């Protein structure tokens, strides 16, 4: 399985932690996001807000592709992800 280190997670729009966490739940419930990709999105959300939940910041490429295809994150490849 291909993994990639995501060194930087930011936002396309200004957001608060509360708004970000709220969008996390609402966006995954109705889009058929896999459980594993939902967990990756939760980790990315925490990483974007500077909340340490995982030392590695490594993500499976297929989860990032899934989230990007559903427009839940902007990830053109590389080590940077933007939360939508």
Protein backbone atom coordinates (compact mmCIF):
# COMPACT_ATOMS: atom_id res chain seq x y z
CA UNK A 1 0.00 0.00 0.00
CA UNK A 2 1.33 3.40 -0.98
CA UNK A 3 1.64 5.88 1.87
CA UNK A 4 2.59 9.53 1.73
CA UNK A 5 3.78 11.96 4.38
CA UNK A 6 1.52 14.99 4.62
CA UNK A 7 3.68 17.72 6.09
CA UNK A 8 1.18 20.57 5.90
CA UNK A 9 -2.59 20.72 6.24
CA UNK A 10 -4.37 24.02 5.81
CA UNK A 11 -7.73 25.42 4.82
CA UNK A 12 -9.13 26.77 1.58
CA UNK A 13 -11.44 28.99 3.65
CA UNK A 14 -11.11 30.52 7.11
CA UNK A 15 -12.54 28.15 9.67
CA UNK A 16 -12.81 27.49 13.37
CA UNK A 17 -12.26 24.16 15.07
CA UNK A 18 -15.99 23.90 15.75
CA UNK A 19 -16.93 24.56 12.12
CA UNK A 20 -14.27 22.17 10.89
CA UNK A 21 -15.38 19.30 13.14
CA UNK A 22 -19.03 19.94 12.23
CA UNK A 23 -18.27 19.72 8.51
CA UNK A 24 -16.32 16.52 9.10
CA UNK A 25 -19.39 14.67 10.35
CA UNK A 26 -21.86 16.16 7.89
CA UNK A 27 -19.65 15.61 4.85
CA UNK A 28 -18.96 11.95 5.47
CA UNK A 29 -22.45 10.85 6.47
CA UNK A 30 -24.10 11.56 3.13
CA UNK A 31 -21.24 10.93 0.72
CA UNK A 32 -20.63 7.23 1.32
CA UNK A 33 -17.08 7.80 2.51
CA UNK A 34 -15.36 4.61 3.67
CA UNK A 35 -14.71 4.22 7.37
CA UNK A 36 -10.94 4.27 6.82
CA UNK A 37 -11.08 7.45 4.72
CA UNK A 38 -13.31 9.06 7.38
CA UNK A 39 -10.63 8.26 9.97
CA UNK A 40 -8.00 9.81 7.68
CA UNK A 41 -10.18 12.92 7.33
CA UNK A 42 -10.49 13.15 11.11
CA UNK A 43 -6.70 12.90 11.46
CA UNK A 44 -6.21 15.57 8.78
CA UNK A 45 -8.69 17.83 10.59
CA UNK A 46 -6.78 17.42 13.84
CA UNK A 47 -3.47 17.98 12.07
CA UNK A 48 -4.82 21.19 10.49
CA UNK A 49 -5.72 22.51 13.93
CA UNK A 50 -2.42 21.47 15.51
CA UNK A 51 -3.97 18.70 17.59
CA UNK A 52 -1.54 15.79 17.81
CA UNK A 53 -3.18 12.41 17.30
CA UNK A 54 -0.54 10.61 15.25
CA UNK A 55 3.21 11.05 15.15
CA UNK A 56 3.71 9.92 11.58
CA UNK A 57 1.37 12.14 9.54
CA UNK A 58 1.45 9.35 6.95
CA UNK A 59 -1.70 8.60 5.00
CA UNK A 60 -2.67 5.96 2.50
CA UNK A 61 -2.75 7.46 -0.96
CA UNK A 62 -6.03 5.71 -1.75
CA UNK A 63 -7.74 7.45 1.20
CA UNK A 64 -6.48 10.85 0.05
CA UNK A 65 -7.65 10.10 -3.48
CA UNK A 66 -11.07 9.08 -2.16
CA UNK A 67 -11.41 12.27 -0.11
CA UNK A 68 -10.19 14.39 -3.03
CA UNK A 69 -12.58 12.73 -5.50
CA UNK A 70 -15.49 13.56 -3.19
CA UNK A 71 -14.20 17.14 -2.88
CA UNK A 72 -13.77 16.85 0.87
CA UNK A 73 -10.12 17.90 0.61
CA UNK A 74 -8.00 19.53 -2.05
CA UNK A 75 -5.01 17.30 -2.73
CA UNK A 76 -3.35 17.52 -6.13
CA UNK A 77 -0.58 15.23 -4.88
CA UNK A 78 2.49 15.98 -2.85
CA UNK A 79 2.80 16.68 0.85
CA UNK A 80 0.18 19.39 1.29
CA UNK A 81 -3.57 19.00 1.80
CA UNK A 82 -6.15 21.78 2.01
CA UNK A 83 -9.34 21.13 3.92
CA UNK A 84 -12.48 22.23 2.07
